[in-house]
Amino acid sequence: MQEAIHPKYYDVDARCACGATWKTRSTKSELHLEICSNCHPFFTGRQKLLDTEGRIVRFTKKFGAQTSEQRKAAAKTKAKKEPATTR
């Protein structure tokens, strides 16, 4: 094994832009972060899903918000309306 090839680890206080701090170990002597789990929208539950093009609305207009029972009933009525063809 080679000697002195591993980086030096420091005990540091990681600081986020929101003001949260926590202790960790790093190869850098200081850690300043822009975002952390305390302020990220995914972890805080404040995440908003944006449908900018209206794709969901267009889909529900085209196909409707059907339940599985409604789809089964529609398939039965469609099968009754179509005459049986033979070759």
N, C-alpha and C. Protein backbone atom coordinates (compact mmCIF):
# COMPACT_ATOMS: atom_id res chain seq x y z
N MET A 1 0.84 -1.19 0.00
CA MET A 1 0.00 0.00 0.00
C MET A 1 0.88 1.24 0.00
N GLN A 2 0.44 2.23 -0.73
CA GLN A 2 1.20 3.47 -0.80
C GLN A 2 0.88 4.34 0.40
N GLU A 3 1.83 5.07 0.82
CA GLU A 3 1.67 5.97 1.95
C GLU A 3 1.24 7.36 1.45
N ALA A 4 0.45 8.05 2.25
CA ALA A 4 0.08 9.46 2.05
C ALA A 4 -0.60 9.72 0.71
N ILE A 5 -1.49 8.84 0.27
CA ILE A 5 -2.22 9.11 -0.96
C ILE A 5 -3.66 9.55 -0.68
N HIS A 6 -4.10 9.40 0.55
CA HIS A 6 -5.47 9.76 0.89
C HIS A 6 -5.55 11.23 1.30
N PRO A 7 -6.64 11.90 0.95
CA PRO A 7 -6.76 13.31 1.34
C PRO A 7 -7.02 13.45 2.84
N LYS A 8 -6.73 14.62 3.35
CA LYS A 8 -6.96 14.89 4.77
C LYS A 8 -8.44 15.23 4.96
N TYR A 9 -9.07 14.63 5.98
CA TYR A 9 -10.46 14.91 6.29
C TYR A 9 -10.54 15.89 7.44
N TYR A 10 -11.50 16.81 7.33
CA TYR A 10 -11.71 17.82 8.35
C TYR A 10 -13.11 17.63 8.95
N ASP A 11 -13.24 17.93 10.25
CA ASP A 11 -14.56 18.04 10.87
C ASP A 11 -15.03 19.47 10.63
N VAL A 12 -16.11 19.63 9.86
CA VAL A 12 -16.54 20.97 9.46
C VAL A 12 -18.00 21.18 9.84
N ASP A 13 -18.38 22.45 9.92
CA ASP A 13 -19.78 22.85 10.06
C ASP A 13 -20.25 23.26 8.68
N ALA A 14 -21.17 22.48 8.10
CA ALA A 14 -21.73 22.82 6.80
C ALA A 14 -22.79 23.89 7.02
N ARG A 15 -22.75 24.94 6.20
CA ARG A 15 -23.69 26.05 6.34
C ARG A 15 -24.48 26.21 5.05
N CYS A 16 -25.79 26.30 5.20
CA CYS A 16 -26.66 26.52 4.06
C CYS A 16 -27.01 28.00 3.98
N ALA A 17 -27.47 28.43 2.82
CA ALA A 17 -27.87 29.82 2.63
C ALA A 17 -29.09 30.17 3.49
N CYS A 18 -29.89 29.17 3.86
CA CYS A 18 -31.07 29.43 4.69
C CYS A 18 -30.70 29.61 6.16
N GLY A 19 -29.46 29.30 6.53
CA GLY A 19 -29.01 29.48 7.90
C GLY A 19 -28.84 28.18 8.67
N ALA A 20 -29.22 27.08 8.10
CA ALA A 20 -29.09 25.79 8.77
C ALA A 20 -27.62 25.37 8.80
N THR A 21 -27.20 24.80 9.90
CA THR A 21 -25.83 24.30 10.02
C THR A 21 -25.88 22.89 10.61
N TRP A 22 -24.89 22.09 10.25
CA TRP A 22 -24.74 20.75 10.80
C TRP A 22 -23.29 20.33 10.68
N LYS A 23 -22.91 19.41 11.52
CA LYS A 23 -21.54 18.93 11.53
C LYS A 23 -21.41 17.74 10.59
N THR A 24 -20.30 17.71 9.87
CA THR A 24 -20.00 16.62 8.96
C THR A 24 -18.50 16.54 8.76
N ARG A 25 -18.08 15.60 7.93
CA ARG A 25 -16.66 15.48 7.60
C ARG A 25 -16.50 15.71 6.11
N SER A 26 -15.40 16.38 5.74
CA SER A 26 -15.18 16.69 4.34
C SER A 26 -13.69 16.84 4.07
N THR A 27 -13.35 16.77 2.79
CA THR A 27 -11.97 17.02 2.41
C THR A 27 -11.70 18.52 2.28
N LYS A 28 -12.75 19.33 2.31
CA LYS A 28 -12.60 20.79 2.30
C LYS A 28 -12.72 21.30 3.73
N SER A 29 -12.04 22.37 4.01
CA SER A 29 -12.06 22.89 5.38
C SER A 29 -13.33 23.67 5.70
N GLU A 30 -14.05 24.18 4.68
CA GLU A 30 -15.30 24.90 4.88
C GLU A 30 -16.31 24.46 3.83
N LEU A 31 -17.58 24.34 4.23
CA LEU A 31 -18.65 24.00 3.30
C LEU A 31 -19.74 25.06 3.40
N HIS A 32 -20.00 25.74 2.29
CA HIS A 32 -21.09 26.72 2.19
C HIS A 32 -21.99 26.25 1.06
N LEU A 33 -23.23 25.91 1.39
CA LEU A 33 -24.17 25.35 0.42
C LEU A 33 -25.27 26.34 0.09
N GLU A 34 -25.82 26.21 -1.11
CA GLU A 34 -26.91 27.08 -1.53
C GLU A 34 -28.26 26.54 -1.07
N ILE A 35 -28.39 25.23 -0.99
CA ILE A 35 -29.68 24.63 -0.64
C ILE A 35 -29.45 23.35 0.14
N CYS A 36 -30.35 23.05 1.06
CA CYS A 36 -30.23 21.83 1.88
C CYS A 36 -31.60 21.20 2.03
N SER A 37 -31.68 20.12 2.77
CA SER A 37 -32.97 19.43 2.95
C SER A 37 -33.93 20.24 3.81
N ASN A 38 -33.45 21.24 4.54
CA ASN A 38 -34.35 22.07 5.35
C ASN A 38 -35.08 23.11 4.52
N CYS A 39 -34.50 23.50 3.39
CA CYS A 39 -35.12 24.56 2.59
C CYS A 39 -35.49 24.13 1.17
N HIS A 40 -35.13 22.92 0.76
CA HIS A 40 -35.45 22.45 -0.59
C HIS A 40 -36.94 22.12 -0.68
N PRO A 41 -37.64 22.58 -1.72
CA PRO A 41 -39.09 22.36 -1.81
C PRO A 41 -39.49 20.89 -1.84
N PHE A 42 -38.66 20.01 -2.38
CA PHE A 42 -39.02 18.60 -2.42
C PHE A 42 -39.11 18.01 -1.02
N PHE A 43 -38.20 18.38 -0.14
CA PHE A 43 -38.17 17.83 1.21
C PHE A 43 -39.12 18.54 2.16
N THR A 44 -39.44 19.81 1.89
CA THR A 44 -40.30 20.56 2.79
C THR A 44 -41.77 20.36 2.49
N GLY A 45 -42.11 19.81 1.32
CA GLY A 45 -43.51 19.60 0.96
C GLY A 45 -44.14 20.80 0.30
N ARG A 46 -43.38 21.83 0.01
CA ARG A 46 -43.90 23.02 -0.63
C ARG A 46 -43.68 22.99 -2.14
N GLN A 47 -43.42 21.81 -2.68
CA GLN A 47 -43.17 21.67 -4.10
C GLN A 47 -44.46 21.82 -4.88
N LYS A 48 -44.41 22.56 -5.98
CA LYS A 48 -45.56 22.75 -6.83
C LYS A 48 -45.26 22.14 -8.19
N LEU A 49 -46.17 21.33 -8.68
CA LEU A 49 -46.02 20.79 -10.01
C LEU A 49 -46.74 21.73 -10.97
N LEU A 50 -46.00 22.27 -11.90
CA LEU A 50 -46.57 23.23 -12.84
C LEU A 50 -46.89 22.54 -14.16
N ASP A 51 -48.10 22.72 -14.61
CA ASP A 51 -48.53 22.20 -15.90
C ASP A 51 -48.67 23.42 -16.81
N THR A 52 -47.56 23.87 -17.35
CA THR A 52 -47.55 25.12 -18.10
C THR A 52 -48.23 25.00 -19.46
N GLU A 53 -48.23 23.84 -20.05
CA GLU A 53 -48.82 23.69 -21.37
C GLU A 53 -50.24 23.16 -21.33
N GLY A 54 -50.76 22.88 -20.16
CA GLY A 54 -52.12 22.38 -20.05
C GLY A 54 -52.29 20.96 -20.54
N ARG A 55 -51.25 20.16 -20.46
CA ARG A 55 -51.31 18.80 -20.97
C ARG A 55 -52.30 17.94 -20.20
N ILE A 56 -52.34 18.11 -18.90
CA ILE A 56 -53.24 17.31 -18.08
C ILE A 56 -54.68 17.68 -18.39
N VAL A 57 -54.96 18.95 -18.54
CA VAL A 57 -56.31 19.41 -18.86
C VAL A 57 -56.73 18.88 -20.22
N ARG A 58 -55.84 18.95 -21.21
CA ARG A 58 -56.16 18.45 -22.54
C ARG A 58 -56.44 16.95 -22.51
N PHE A 59 -55.66 16.20 -21.73
CA PHE A 59 -55.86 14.76 -21.63
C PHE A 59 -57.21 14.43 -21.02
N THR A 60 -57.58 15.11 -19.94
CA THR A 60 -58.86 14.82 -19.30
C THR A 60 -60.02 15.26 -20.18
N LYS A 61 -59.85 16.30 -20.99
CA LYS A 61 -60.92 16.68 -21.92
C LYS A 61 -61.08 15.63 -23.01
N LYS A 62 -59.97 15.11 -23.49
CA LYS A 62 -60.01 14.16 -24.59
C LYS A 62 -60.51 12.80 -24.14
N PHE A 63 -59.98 12.29 -23.05
CA PHE A 63 -60.30 10.95 -22.60
C PHE A 63 -61.22 10.91 -21.39
N GLY A 64 -61.31 11.99 -20.66
CA GLY A 64 -62.15 12.04 -19.47
C GLY A 64 -61.47 11.34 -18.31
N ALA A 65 -61.93 11.67 -17.13
CA ALA A 65 -61.39 11.03 -15.93
C ALA A 65 -62.28 9.84 -15.62
N GLN A 66 -61.99 8.72 -16.25
CA GLN A 66 -62.83 7.53 -16.11
C GLN A 66 -62.29 6.62 -15.01
N THR A 67 -63.22 5.96 -14.35
CA THR A 67 -62.83 4.93 -13.39
C THR A 67 -62.81 3.60 -14.12
N SER A 68 -62.29 2.59 -13.50
CA SER A 68 -62.22 1.27 -14.15
C SER A 68 -63.61 0.71 -14.40
N GLU A 69 -64.58 0.98 -13.52
CA GLU A 69 -65.94 0.50 -13.72
C GLU A 69 -66.57 1.16 -14.94
N GLN A 70 -66.32 2.45 -15.13
CA GLN A 70 -66.86 3.16 -16.28
C GLN A 70 -66.26 2.61 -17.57
N ARG A 71 -64.97 2.29 -17.57
CA ARG A 71 -64.34 1.73 -18.76
C ARG A 71 -64.92 0.36 -19.09
N LYS A 72 -65.17 -0.47 -18.08
CA LYS A 72 -65.75 -1.80 -18.31
C LYS A 72 -67.16 -1.67 -18.88
N ALA A 73 -67.96 -0.75 -18.34
CA ALA A 73 -69.32 -0.55 -18.83
C ALA A 73 -69.30 -0.05 -20.27
N ALA A 74 -68.39 0.84 -20.60
CA ALA A 74 -68.28 1.35 -21.97
C ALA A 74 -67.86 0.24 -22.92
N ALA A 75 -66.99 -0.63 -22.50
CA ALA A 75 -66.55 -1.74 -23.35
C ALA A 75 -67.70 -2.72 -23.59
N LYS A 76 -68.55 -2.95 -22.60
CA LYS A 76 -69.69 -3.84 -22.77
C LYS A 76 -70.70 -3.27 -23.77
N THR A 77 -71.00 -2.00 -23.63
CA THR A 77 -71.96 -1.38 -24.55
C THR A 77 -71.40 -1.33 -25.97
N LYS A 78 -70.12 -1.13 -26.10
CA LYS A 78 -69.50 -1.12 -27.42
C LYS A 78 -69.55 -2.50 -28.05
N ALA A 79 -69.34 -3.54 -27.26
CA ALA A 79 -69.39 -4.91 -27.76
C ALA A 79 -70.81 -5.28 -28.19
N LYS A 80 -71.82 -4.78 -27.50
CA LYS A 80 -73.21 -5.07 -27.84
C LYS A 80 -73.62 -4.37 -29.14
N LYS A 81 -73.12 -3.17 -29.38
CA LYS A 81 -73.49 -2.39 -30.55
C LYS A 81 -72.87 -2.92 -31.83
N GLU A 82 -71.68 -3.46 -31.77
CA GLU A 82 -70.98 -3.95 -32.96
C GLU A 82 -71.54 -5.30 -33.38
N PRO A 83 -71.93 -5.44 -34.64
CA PRO A 83 -72.42 -6.75 -35.09
C PRO A 83 -71.24 -7.71 -35.29
N ALA A 84 -71.49 -8.96 -35.09
CA ALA A 84 -70.46 -9.97 -35.25
C ALA A 84 -70.25 -10.21 -36.75
N THR A 85 -69.03 -10.15 -37.17
CA THR A 85 -68.72 -10.39 -38.58
C THR A 85 -68.07 -11.74 -38.71
N THR A 86 -68.45 -12.45 -39.77
CA THR A 86 -67.84 -13.76 -40.03
C THR A 86 -67.19 -13.74 -41.39
N ARG A 87 -66.25 -14.56 -41.57
CA ARG A 87 -65.56 -14.62 -42.86
C ARG A 87 -65.94 -15.86 -43.59
